Amino acid sequence: MTTSRVDAAAEVDLAFLLGHASHVLTTELTARLADLGITPRGYCVLAKATPGDRTQIKLADLCGMDKTTMVVTLDELEKSSLVERKLSPTDRRARIIVLTDEGRRVVRQAEEIVAGVYADVLAVLPDDERSAFVSGLIRLVSGRLATPVQCQRAPRRRL
């Protein structure tokens, strides 16, 4: 992709800009987290499971994953000995996801990596624009862009 394509898109195509930024950021996180043996999706699950009292369904909701993707991700994390599935004390049909000691170590390292990447990305913005940019994104995904509209052929969600 050339800079001129990005510059031209900046004038008119919000979907392109957000999609491109998401793709590049996710690719960098994927590369940086690979040394820990996890993906950005795995990191999200580990980070959200840290309290130790969340079910698979709750984690899927917090990470924006469907049930199938959550199961596959948990299978990978469990195979790597980073999490364990335990029966819920209040609902025998539910499983609580608990980090192992190794999972807690990996998530701490991953948090440092992710924080460093985020700081590096935001560092290209002037100091006075960083918090406004992040606040604006939070408002968008909490409000107008919180829930996708129903459509016949919904695009595949990337993460």
N, C-alpha and C. Protein backbone atom coordinates (compact mmCIF):
# COMPACT_ATOMS: atom_id res chain seq x y z
N MET A 1 0.85 -1.18 0.00
CA MET A 1 0.00 0.00 0.00
C MET A 1 0.88 1.23 0.00
N THR A 2 0.54 2.15 -0.83
CA THR A 2 1.34 3.37 -0.92
C THR A 2 0.77 4.44 -0.02
N THR A 3 1.62 5.37 0.34
CA THR A 3 1.18 6.47 1.19
C THR A 3 0.08 7.27 0.49
N SER A 4 0.17 7.45 -0.83
CA SER A 4 -0.83 8.25 -1.53
C SER A 4 -2.21 7.62 -1.41
N ARG A 5 -2.31 6.30 -1.39
CA ARG A 5 -3.61 5.65 -1.23
C ARG A 5 -4.18 5.94 0.15
N VAL A 6 -3.33 5.88 1.17
CA VAL A 6 -3.78 6.19 2.52
C VAL A 6 -4.19 7.65 2.60
N ASP A 7 -3.39 8.55 2.03
CA ASP A 7 -3.72 9.98 2.06
C ASP A 7 -5.03 10.26 1.35
N ALA A 8 -5.24 9.65 0.19
CA ALA A 8 -6.48 9.86 -0.56
C ALA A 8 -7.67 9.32 0.21
N ALA A 9 -7.49 8.17 0.85
CA ALA A 9 -8.59 7.57 1.61
C ALA A 9 -8.96 8.41 2.82
N ALA A 10 -7.98 9.11 3.38
CA ALA A 10 -8.22 9.90 4.58
C ALA A 10 -9.29 10.96 4.37
N GLU A 11 -9.42 11.43 3.14
CA GLU A 11 -10.39 12.48 2.86
C GLU A 11 -11.83 11.97 2.85
N VAL A 12 -12.04 10.70 2.53
CA VAL A 12 -13.41 10.28 2.28
C VAL A 12 -13.84 8.95 2.90
N ASP A 13 -12.94 8.08 3.26
CA ASP A 13 -13.33 6.71 3.58
C ASP A 13 -12.98 6.32 5.01
N LEU A 14 -13.88 6.62 5.93
CA LEU A 14 -13.69 6.31 7.34
C LEU A 14 -13.54 4.80 7.55
N ALA A 15 -14.32 3.99 6.85
CA ALA A 15 -14.23 2.54 7.01
C ALA A 15 -12.85 2.04 6.61
N PHE A 16 -12.31 2.56 5.52
CA PHE A 16 -10.97 2.17 5.10
C PHE A 16 -9.95 2.55 6.18
N LEU A 17 -10.01 3.76 6.67
CA LEU A 17 -9.03 4.23 7.65
C LEU A 17 -9.08 3.40 8.93
N LEU A 18 -10.28 3.18 9.46
CA LEU A 18 -10.39 2.39 10.68
C LEU A 18 -9.98 0.95 10.43
N GLY A 19 -10.38 0.38 9.31
CA GLY A 19 -10.00 -0.99 8.97
C GLY A 19 -8.50 -1.15 8.78
N HIS A 20 -7.89 -0.19 8.08
CA HIS A 20 -6.45 -0.25 7.85
C HIS A 20 -5.69 -0.12 9.17
N ALA A 21 -6.10 0.83 9.99
CA ALA A 21 -5.44 1.02 11.29
C ALA A 21 -5.57 -0.24 12.14
N SER A 22 -6.75 -0.83 12.16
CA SER A 22 -6.97 -2.05 12.92
C SER A 22 -6.10 -3.19 12.41
N HIS A 23 -6.03 -3.34 11.09
CA HIS A 23 -5.23 -4.41 10.51
C HIS A 23 -3.75 -4.25 10.84
N VAL A 24 -3.21 -3.06 10.67
CA VAL A 24 -1.79 -2.83 10.92
C VAL A 24 -1.47 -3.01 12.40
N LEU A 25 -2.32 -2.49 13.28
CA LEU A 25 -2.10 -2.64 14.72
C LEU A 25 -2.19 -4.10 15.14
N THR A 26 -3.18 -4.81 14.65
CA THR A 26 -3.33 -6.22 15.00
C THR A 26 -2.17 -7.05 14.47
N THR A 27 -1.68 -6.73 13.29
CA THR A 27 -0.53 -7.43 12.73
C THR A 27 0.70 -7.21 13.60
N GLU A 28 0.93 -5.98 14.03
CA GLU A 28 2.07 -5.71 14.90
C GLU A 28 1.94 -6.43 16.23
N LEU A 29 0.75 -6.40 16.82
CA LEU A 29 0.55 -7.12 18.09
C LEU A 29 0.77 -8.62 17.91
N THR A 30 0.30 -9.16 16.79
CA THR A 30 0.49 -10.59 16.51
C THR A 30 1.97 -10.92 16.47
N ALA A 31 2.74 -10.10 15.79
CA ALA A 31 4.19 -10.33 15.68
C ALA A 31 4.87 -10.22 17.04
N ARG A 32 4.49 -9.23 17.81
CA ARG A 32 5.15 -8.99 19.11
C ARG A 32 4.76 -10.02 20.16
N LEU A 33 3.53 -10.53 20.10
CA LEU A 33 3.08 -11.51 21.09
C LEU A 33 3.49 -12.94 20.74
N ALA A 34 3.94 -13.14 19.51
CA ALA A 34 4.30 -14.49 19.05
C ALA A 34 5.39 -15.12 19.92
N ASP A 35 6.32 -14.33 20.40
CA ASP A 35 7.39 -14.87 21.26
C ASP A 35 6.84 -15.45 22.56
N LEU A 36 5.68 -14.99 22.97
CA LEU A 36 5.04 -15.52 24.18
C LEU A 36 4.14 -16.72 23.87
N GLY A 37 3.97 -17.00 22.58
CA GLY A 37 3.14 -18.13 22.17
C GLY A 37 1.66 -17.84 22.21
N ILE A 38 1.28 -16.56 22.15
CA ILE A 38 -0.13 -16.21 22.14
C ILE A 38 -0.42 -15.23 21.01
N THR A 39 -1.69 -15.10 20.71
CA THR A 39 -2.19 -14.17 19.70
C THR A 39 -2.86 -13.00 20.41
N PRO A 40 -3.19 -11.94 19.67
CA PRO A 40 -3.97 -10.87 20.30
C PRO A 40 -5.29 -11.39 20.88
N ARG A 41 -5.92 -12.32 20.20
CA ARG A 41 -7.16 -12.90 20.72
C ARG A 41 -6.89 -13.64 22.02
N GLY A 42 -5.82 -14.42 22.06
CA GLY A 42 -5.45 -15.13 23.29
C GLY A 42 -5.12 -14.17 24.41
N TYR A 43 -4.42 -13.08 24.06
CA TYR A 43 -4.12 -12.07 25.07
C TYR A 43 -5.40 -11.48 25.65
N CYS A 44 -6.36 -11.18 24.78
CA CYS A 44 -7.61 -10.60 25.25
C CYS A 44 -8.28 -11.53 26.26
N VAL A 45 -8.32 -12.81 25.94
CA VAL A 45 -8.95 -13.78 26.85
C VAL A 45 -8.18 -13.85 28.16
N LEU A 46 -6.86 -13.95 28.09
CA LEU A 46 -6.07 -14.01 29.31
C LEU A 46 -6.28 -12.77 30.19
N ALA A 47 -6.23 -11.60 29.56
CA ALA A 47 -6.39 -10.35 30.31
C ALA A 47 -7.77 -10.27 30.96
N LYS A 48 -8.80 -10.64 30.22
CA LYS A 48 -10.16 -10.54 30.76
C LYS A 48 -10.45 -11.65 31.77
N ALA A 49 -9.70 -12.76 31.70
CA ALA A 49 -9.90 -13.87 32.64
C ALA A 49 -9.12 -13.70 33.93
N THR A 50 -8.29 -12.68 34.01
CA THR A 50 -7.41 -12.49 35.17
C THR A 50 -8.16 -12.48 36.51
N PRO A 51 -9.35 -11.88 36.60
CA PRO A 51 -10.03 -11.92 37.91
C PRO A 51 -10.34 -13.35 38.40
N GLY A 52 -10.46 -14.31 37.47
CA GLY A 52 -10.64 -15.70 37.87
C GLY A 52 -12.06 -16.12 38.15
N ASP A 53 -13.04 -15.27 37.86
CA ASP A 53 -14.42 -15.63 38.16
C ASP A 53 -15.34 -15.51 36.95
N ARG A 54 -14.75 -15.52 35.76
CA ARG A 54 -15.55 -15.29 34.55
C ARG A 54 -15.76 -16.58 33.76
N THR A 55 -16.97 -16.73 33.29
CA THR A 55 -17.31 -17.90 32.49
C THR A 55 -16.86 -17.72 31.05
N GLN A 56 -16.86 -18.83 30.31
CA GLN A 56 -16.53 -18.77 28.89
C GLN A 56 -17.45 -17.79 28.18
N ILE A 57 -18.73 -17.82 28.50
CA ILE A 57 -19.70 -16.95 27.83
C ILE A 57 -19.43 -15.49 28.15
N LYS A 58 -19.12 -15.18 29.39
CA LYS A 58 -18.80 -13.80 29.78
C LYS A 58 -17.53 -13.33 29.06
N LEU A 59 -16.52 -14.19 29.01
CA LEU A 59 -15.28 -13.82 28.32
C LEU A 59 -15.52 -13.60 26.83
N ALA A 60 -16.33 -14.45 26.23
CA ALA A 60 -16.65 -14.27 24.81
C ALA A 60 -17.28 -12.91 24.58
N ASP A 61 -18.18 -12.52 25.46
CA ASP A 61 -18.83 -11.22 25.36
C ASP A 61 -17.82 -10.08 25.54
N LEU A 62 -16.98 -10.18 26.55
CA LEU A 62 -15.99 -9.13 26.83
C LEU A 62 -14.97 -8.98 25.71
N CYS A 63 -14.66 -10.09 25.02
CA CYS A 63 -13.66 -10.07 23.95
C CYS A 63 -14.29 -9.93 22.56
N GLY A 64 -15.61 -9.86 22.50
CA GLY A 64 -16.29 -9.71 21.22
C GLY A 64 -16.14 -10.93 20.32
N MET A 65 -16.18 -12.12 20.91
CA MET A 65 -16.03 -13.36 20.15
C MET A 65 -17.32 -14.16 20.16
N ASP A 66 -17.52 -14.92 19.10
CA ASP A 66 -18.63 -15.87 19.12
C ASP A 66 -18.20 -17.10 19.91
N LYS A 67 -19.16 -17.98 20.22
CA LYS A 67 -18.87 -19.14 21.07
C LYS A 67 -17.83 -20.06 20.45
N THR A 68 -17.93 -20.28 19.15
CA THR A 68 -16.99 -21.18 18.47
C THR A 68 -15.56 -20.66 18.55
N THR A 69 -15.39 -19.38 18.28
CA THR A 69 -14.06 -18.78 18.34
C THR A 69 -13.51 -18.83 19.76
N MET A 70 -14.38 -18.61 20.75
CA MET A 70 -13.95 -18.67 22.14
C MET A 70 -13.48 -20.08 22.49
N VAL A 71 -14.21 -21.09 22.06
CA VAL A 71 -13.82 -22.47 22.37
C VAL A 71 -12.46 -22.80 21.76
N VAL A 72 -12.27 -22.42 20.50
CA VAL A 72 -10.99 -22.68 19.82
C VAL A 72 -9.85 -21.95 20.55
N THR A 73 -10.09 -20.70 20.92
CA THR A 73 -9.07 -19.91 21.62
C THR A 73 -8.75 -20.53 22.98
N LEU A 74 -9.77 -20.92 23.72
CA LEU A 74 -9.54 -21.55 25.02
C LEU A 74 -8.83 -22.89 24.87
N ASP A 75 -9.16 -23.64 23.84
CA ASP A 75 -8.46 -24.91 23.59
C ASP A 75 -6.97 -24.66 23.42
N GLU A 76 -6.61 -23.63 22.65
CA GLU A 76 -5.20 -23.29 22.43
C GLU A 76 -4.53 -22.87 23.73
N LEU A 77 -5.20 -22.03 24.51
CA LEU A 77 -4.63 -21.55 25.77
C LEU A 77 -4.49 -22.69 26.78
N GLU A 78 -5.47 -23.59 26.80
CA GLU A 78 -5.42 -24.72 27.71
C GLU A 78 -4.30 -25.69 27.30
N LYS A 79 -4.16 -25.92 26.01
CA LYS A 79 -3.11 -26.80 25.50
C LYS A 79 -1.73 -26.26 25.86
N SER A 80 -1.60 -24.94 25.91
CA SER A 80 -0.34 -24.29 26.29
C SER A 80 -0.19 -24.16 27.80
N SER A 81 -1.11 -24.73 28.55
CA SER A 81 -1.10 -24.69 30.02
C SER A 81 -1.17 -23.28 30.59
N LEU A 82 -1.92 -22.41 29.90
CA LEU A 82 -2.07 -21.04 30.37
C LEU A 82 -3.38 -20.83 31.13
N VAL A 83 -4.39 -21.66 30.85
CA VAL A 83 -5.67 -21.57 31.55
C VAL A 83 -6.18 -22.97 31.86
N GLU A 84 -7.13 -22.99 32.79
CA GLU A 84 -7.87 -24.22 33.11
C GLU A 84 -9.34 -23.88 33.11
N ARG A 85 -10.14 -24.82 32.66
CA ARG A 85 -11.60 -24.69 32.75
C ARG A 85 -12.04 -25.40 34.02
N LYS A 86 -12.77 -24.68 34.86
CA LYS A 86 -13.27 -25.25 36.12
C LYS A 86 -14.79 -25.13 36.14
N LEU A 87 -15.42 -26.07 36.79
CA LEU A 87 -16.87 -26.00 36.94
C LEU A 87 -17.25 -24.78 37.77
N SER A 88 -18.29 -24.11 37.35
CA SER A 88 -18.79 -22.97 38.11
C SER A 88 -19.43 -23.48 39.40
N PRO A 89 -19.16 -22.82 40.51
CA PRO A 89 -19.79 -23.25 41.77
C PRO A 89 -21.29 -22.94 41.81
N THR A 90 -21.76 -22.07 40.92
CA THR A 90 -23.17 -21.68 40.95
C THR A 90 -23.98 -22.24 39.78
N ASP A 91 -23.30 -22.74 38.73
CA ASP A 91 -24.01 -23.26 37.56
C ASP A 91 -23.18 -24.40 36.97
N ARG A 92 -23.62 -25.62 37.20
CA ARG A 92 -22.82 -26.77 36.79
C ARG A 92 -22.67 -26.90 35.27
N ARG A 93 -23.47 -26.16 34.50
CA ARG A 93 -23.34 -26.17 33.04
C ARG A 93 -22.25 -25.22 32.56
N ALA A 94 -21.86 -24.28 33.40
CA ALA A 94 -20.90 -23.24 33.01
C ALA A 94 -19.49 -23.61 33.46
N ARG A 95 -18.52 -23.08 32.73
CA ARG A 95 -17.12 -23.25 33.06
C ARG A 95 -16.50 -21.88 33.36
N ILE A 96 -15.76 -21.84 34.45
CA ILE A 96 -15.01 -20.65 34.83
C ILE A 96 -13.60 -20.83 34.26
N ILE A 97 -13.06 -19.77 33.68
CA ILE A 97 -11.71 -19.82 33.11
C ILE A 97 -10.74 -19.23 34.13
N VAL A 98 -9.77 -20.05 34.54
CA VAL A 98 -8.80 -19.66 35.56
C VAL A 98 -7.40 -19.73 34.97
N LEU A 99 -6.64 -18.66 35.16
CA LEU A 99 -5.26 -18.65 34.69
C LEU A 99 -4.39 -19.53 35.57
N THR A 100 -3.47 -20.24 34.94
CA THR A 100 -2.46 -20.99 35.67
C THR A 100 -1.37 -20.02 36.08
N ASP A 101 -0.40 -20.49 36.87
CA ASP A 101 0.73 -19.64 37.22
C ASP A 101 1.44 -19.17 35.95
N GLU A 102 1.61 -20.08 34.99
CA GLU A 102 2.25 -19.72 33.72
C GLU A 102 1.39 -18.70 32.96
N GLY A 103 0.08 -18.86 33.00
CA GLY A 103 -0.82 -17.91 32.36
C GLY A 103 -0.71 -16.52 32.95
N ARG A 104 -0.57 -16.45 34.27
CA ARG A 104 -0.40 -15.14 34.93
C ARG A 104 0.93 -14.51 34.53
N ARG A 105 1.97 -15.33 34.41
CA ARG A 105 3.29 -14.81 33.99
C ARG A 105 3.22 -14.28 32.56
N VAL A 106 2.58 -15.06 31.68
CA VAL A 106 2.49 -14.67 30.28
C VAL A 106 1.64 -13.41 30.12
N VAL A 107 0.53 -13.32 30.82
CA VAL A 107 -0.32 -12.14 30.67
C VAL A 107 0.39 -10.88 31.18
N ARG A 108 1.20 -11.01 32.21
CA ARG A 108 1.97 -9.84 32.70
C ARG A 108 2.96 -9.38 31.63
N GLN A 109 3.65 -10.32 31.00
CA GLN A 109 4.59 -9.95 29.94
C GLN A 109 3.84 -9.37 28.74
N ALA A 110 2.72 -9.97 28.41
CA ALA A 110 1.92 -9.49 27.27
C ALA A 110 1.40 -8.08 27.53
N GLU A 111 0.99 -7.79 28.76
CA GLU A 111 0.50 -6.45 29.09
C GLU A 111 1.59 -5.41 28.84
N GLU A 112 2.83 -5.73 29.16
CA GLU A 112 3.93 -4.80 28.92
C GLU A 112 4.14 -4.59 27.42
N ILE A 113 4.07 -5.67 26.66
CA ILE A 113 4.23 -5.57 25.20
C ILE A 113 3.12 -4.72 24.60
N VAL A 114 1.88 -5.03 24.95
CA VAL A 114 0.74 -4.31 24.39
C VAL A 114 0.79 -2.84 24.79
N ALA A 115 1.08 -2.57 26.04
CA ALA A 115 1.17 -1.17 26.48
C ALA A 115 2.26 -0.43 25.71
N GLY A 116 3.38 -1.08 25.46
CA GLY A 116 4.46 -0.46 24.70
C GLY A 116 4.06 -0.17 23.27
N VAL A 117 3.38 -1.12 22.63
CA VAL A 117 2.93 -0.90 21.25
C VAL A 117 1.92 0.24 21.21
N TYR A 118 0.96 0.23 22.13
CA TYR A 118 -0.04 1.29 22.16
C TYR A 118 0.61 2.66 22.38
N ALA A 119 1.56 2.73 23.31
CA ALA A 119 2.24 4.00 23.58
C ALA A 119 3.00 4.46 22.34
N ASP A 120 3.65 3.53 21.65
CA ASP A 120 4.40 3.87 20.44
C ASP A 120 3.46 4.37 19.34
N VAL A 121 2.33 3.72 19.18
CA VAL A 121 1.36 4.13 18.17
C VAL A 121 0.83 5.52 18.48
N LEU A 122 0.43 5.74 19.72
CA LEU A 122 -0.14 7.03 20.09
C LEU A 122 0.90 8.15 20.12
N ALA A 123 2.18 7.79 20.22
CA ALA A 123 3.24 8.79 20.27
C ALA A 123 3.35 9.61 18.98
N VAL A 124 2.77 9.11 17.88
CA VAL A 124 2.83 9.90 16.64
C VAL A 124 1.86 11.07 16.68
N LEU A 125 0.93 11.05 17.63
CA LEU A 125 0.00 12.17 17.78
C LEU A 125 0.58 13.18 18.77
N PRO A 126 0.32 14.46 18.54
CA PRO A 126 0.74 15.46 19.53
C PRO A 126 0.08 15.16 20.88
N ASP A 127 0.77 15.49 21.95
CA ASP A 127 0.28 15.22 23.31
C ASP A 127 -1.18 15.61 23.51
N ASP A 128 -1.55 16.79 23.02
CA ASP A 128 -2.90 17.29 23.26
C ASP A 128 -3.97 16.56 22.43
N GLU A 129 -3.57 15.74 21.47
CA GLU A 129 -4.54 15.01 20.65
C GLU A 129 -4.75 13.56 21.10
N ARG A 130 -3.81 13.01 21.86
CA ARG A 130 -3.87 11.59 22.23
C ARG A 130 -5.13 11.23 23.01
N SER A 131 -5.39 11.95 24.09
CA SER A 131 -6.54 11.58 24.91
C SER A 131 -7.85 11.86 24.17
N ALA A 132 -7.87 12.92 23.35
CA ALA A 132 -9.08 13.22 22.57
C ALA A 132 -9.34 12.11 21.55
N PHE A 133 -8.28 11.61 20.91
CA PHE A 133 -8.42 10.53 19.94
C PHE A 133 -8.98 9.27 20.61
N VAL A 134 -8.38 8.87 21.73
CA VAL A 134 -8.84 7.67 22.44
C VAL A 134 -10.26 7.87 22.98
N SER A 135 -10.53 9.03 23.53
CA SER A 135 -11.89 9.32 24.04
C SER A 135 -12.91 9.26 22.92
N GLY A 136 -12.56 9.80 21.77
CA GLY A 136 -13.47 9.76 20.63
C GLY A 136 -13.75 8.34 20.18
N LEU A 137 -12.71 7.51 20.11
CA LEU A 137 -12.93 6.10 19.74
C LEU A 137 -13.82 5.39 20.75
N ILE A 138 -13.57 5.63 22.02
CA ILE A 138 -14.38 5.01 23.06
C ILE A 138 -15.84 5.43 22.92
N ARG A 139 -16.08 6.72 22.67
CA ARG A 139 -17.46 7.20 22.48
C ARG A 139 -18.10 6.53 21.26
N LEU A 140 -17.34 6.39 20.19
CA LEU A 140 -17.89 5.77 18.99
C LEU A 140 -18.28 4.31 19.23
N VAL A 141 -17.37 3.54 19.83
CA VAL A 141 -17.67 2.11 20.02
C VAL A 141 -18.62 1.86 21.19
N SER A 142 -18.83 2.86 22.02
CA SER A 142 -19.82 2.73 23.09
C SER A 142 -21.18 3.25 22.67
N GLY A 143 -21.20 4.03 21.61
CA GLY A 143 -22.44 4.65 21.16
C GLY A 143 -22.80 4.24 19.76
N ARG A 144 -22.56 5.12 18.82
CA ARG A 144 -22.99 4.93 17.43
C ARG A 144 -22.48 3.65 16.80
N LEU A 145 -21.27 3.23 17.13
CA LEU A 145 -20.69 2.03 16.54
C LEU A 145 -20.63 0.85 17.53
N ALA A 146 -21.54 0.85 18.49
CA ALA A 146 -21.53 -0.21 19.51
C ALA A 146 -22.02 -1.55 18.98
N THR A 147 -23.03 -1.53 18.15
CA THR A 147 -23.65 -2.77 17.68
C THR A 147 -23.81 -2.74 16.17
N PRO A 148 -23.33 -3.78 15.51
CA PRO A 148 -23.50 -3.82 14.05
C PRO A 148 -24.97 -3.93 13.67
N VAL A 149 -25.33 -3.32 12.56
CA VAL A 149 -26.69 -3.48 12.07
C VAL A 149 -26.83 -4.87 11.47
N GLN A 150 -28.04 -5.36 11.43
CA GLN A 150 -28.30 -6.66 10.81
C GLN A 150 -28.21 -6.51 9.30
N CYS A 151 -27.54 -7.46 8.68
CA CYS A 151 -27.48 -7.46 7.23
C CYS A 151 -27.33 -8.90 6.75
N GLN A 152 -27.67 -9.11 5.50
CA GLN A 152 -27.66 -10.46 4.97
C GLN A 152 -26.27 -11.06 4.91
N ARG A 153 -25.29 -10.30 4.48
CA ARG A 153 -23.93 -10.81 4.35
C ARG A 153 -22.98 -9.95 5.19
N ALA A 154 -23.03 -10.14 6.48
CA ALA A 154 -22.19 -9.35 7.38
C ALA A 154 -20.71 -9.64 7.13
N PRO A 155 -19.87 -8.61 7.14
CA PRO A 155 -18.44 -8.84 6.96
C PRO A 155 -17.87 -9.62 8.15
N ARG A 156 -16.82 -10.35 7.89
CA ARG A 156 -16.17 -11.13 8.94
C ARG A 156 -15.43 -10.19 9.89
N ARG A 157 -15.60 -10.42 11.15
CA ARG A 157 -14.93 -9.59 12.15
C ARG A 157 -13.49 -10.03 12.30
N ARG A 158 -12.60 -9.08 12.31
CA ARG A 158 -11.17 -9.38 12.50
C ARG A 158 -10.79 -9.07 13.93
N LEU A 159 -9.91 -9.91 14.47
CA LEU A 159 -9.29 -9.65 15.77
C LEU A 159 -8.08 -10.51 15.89
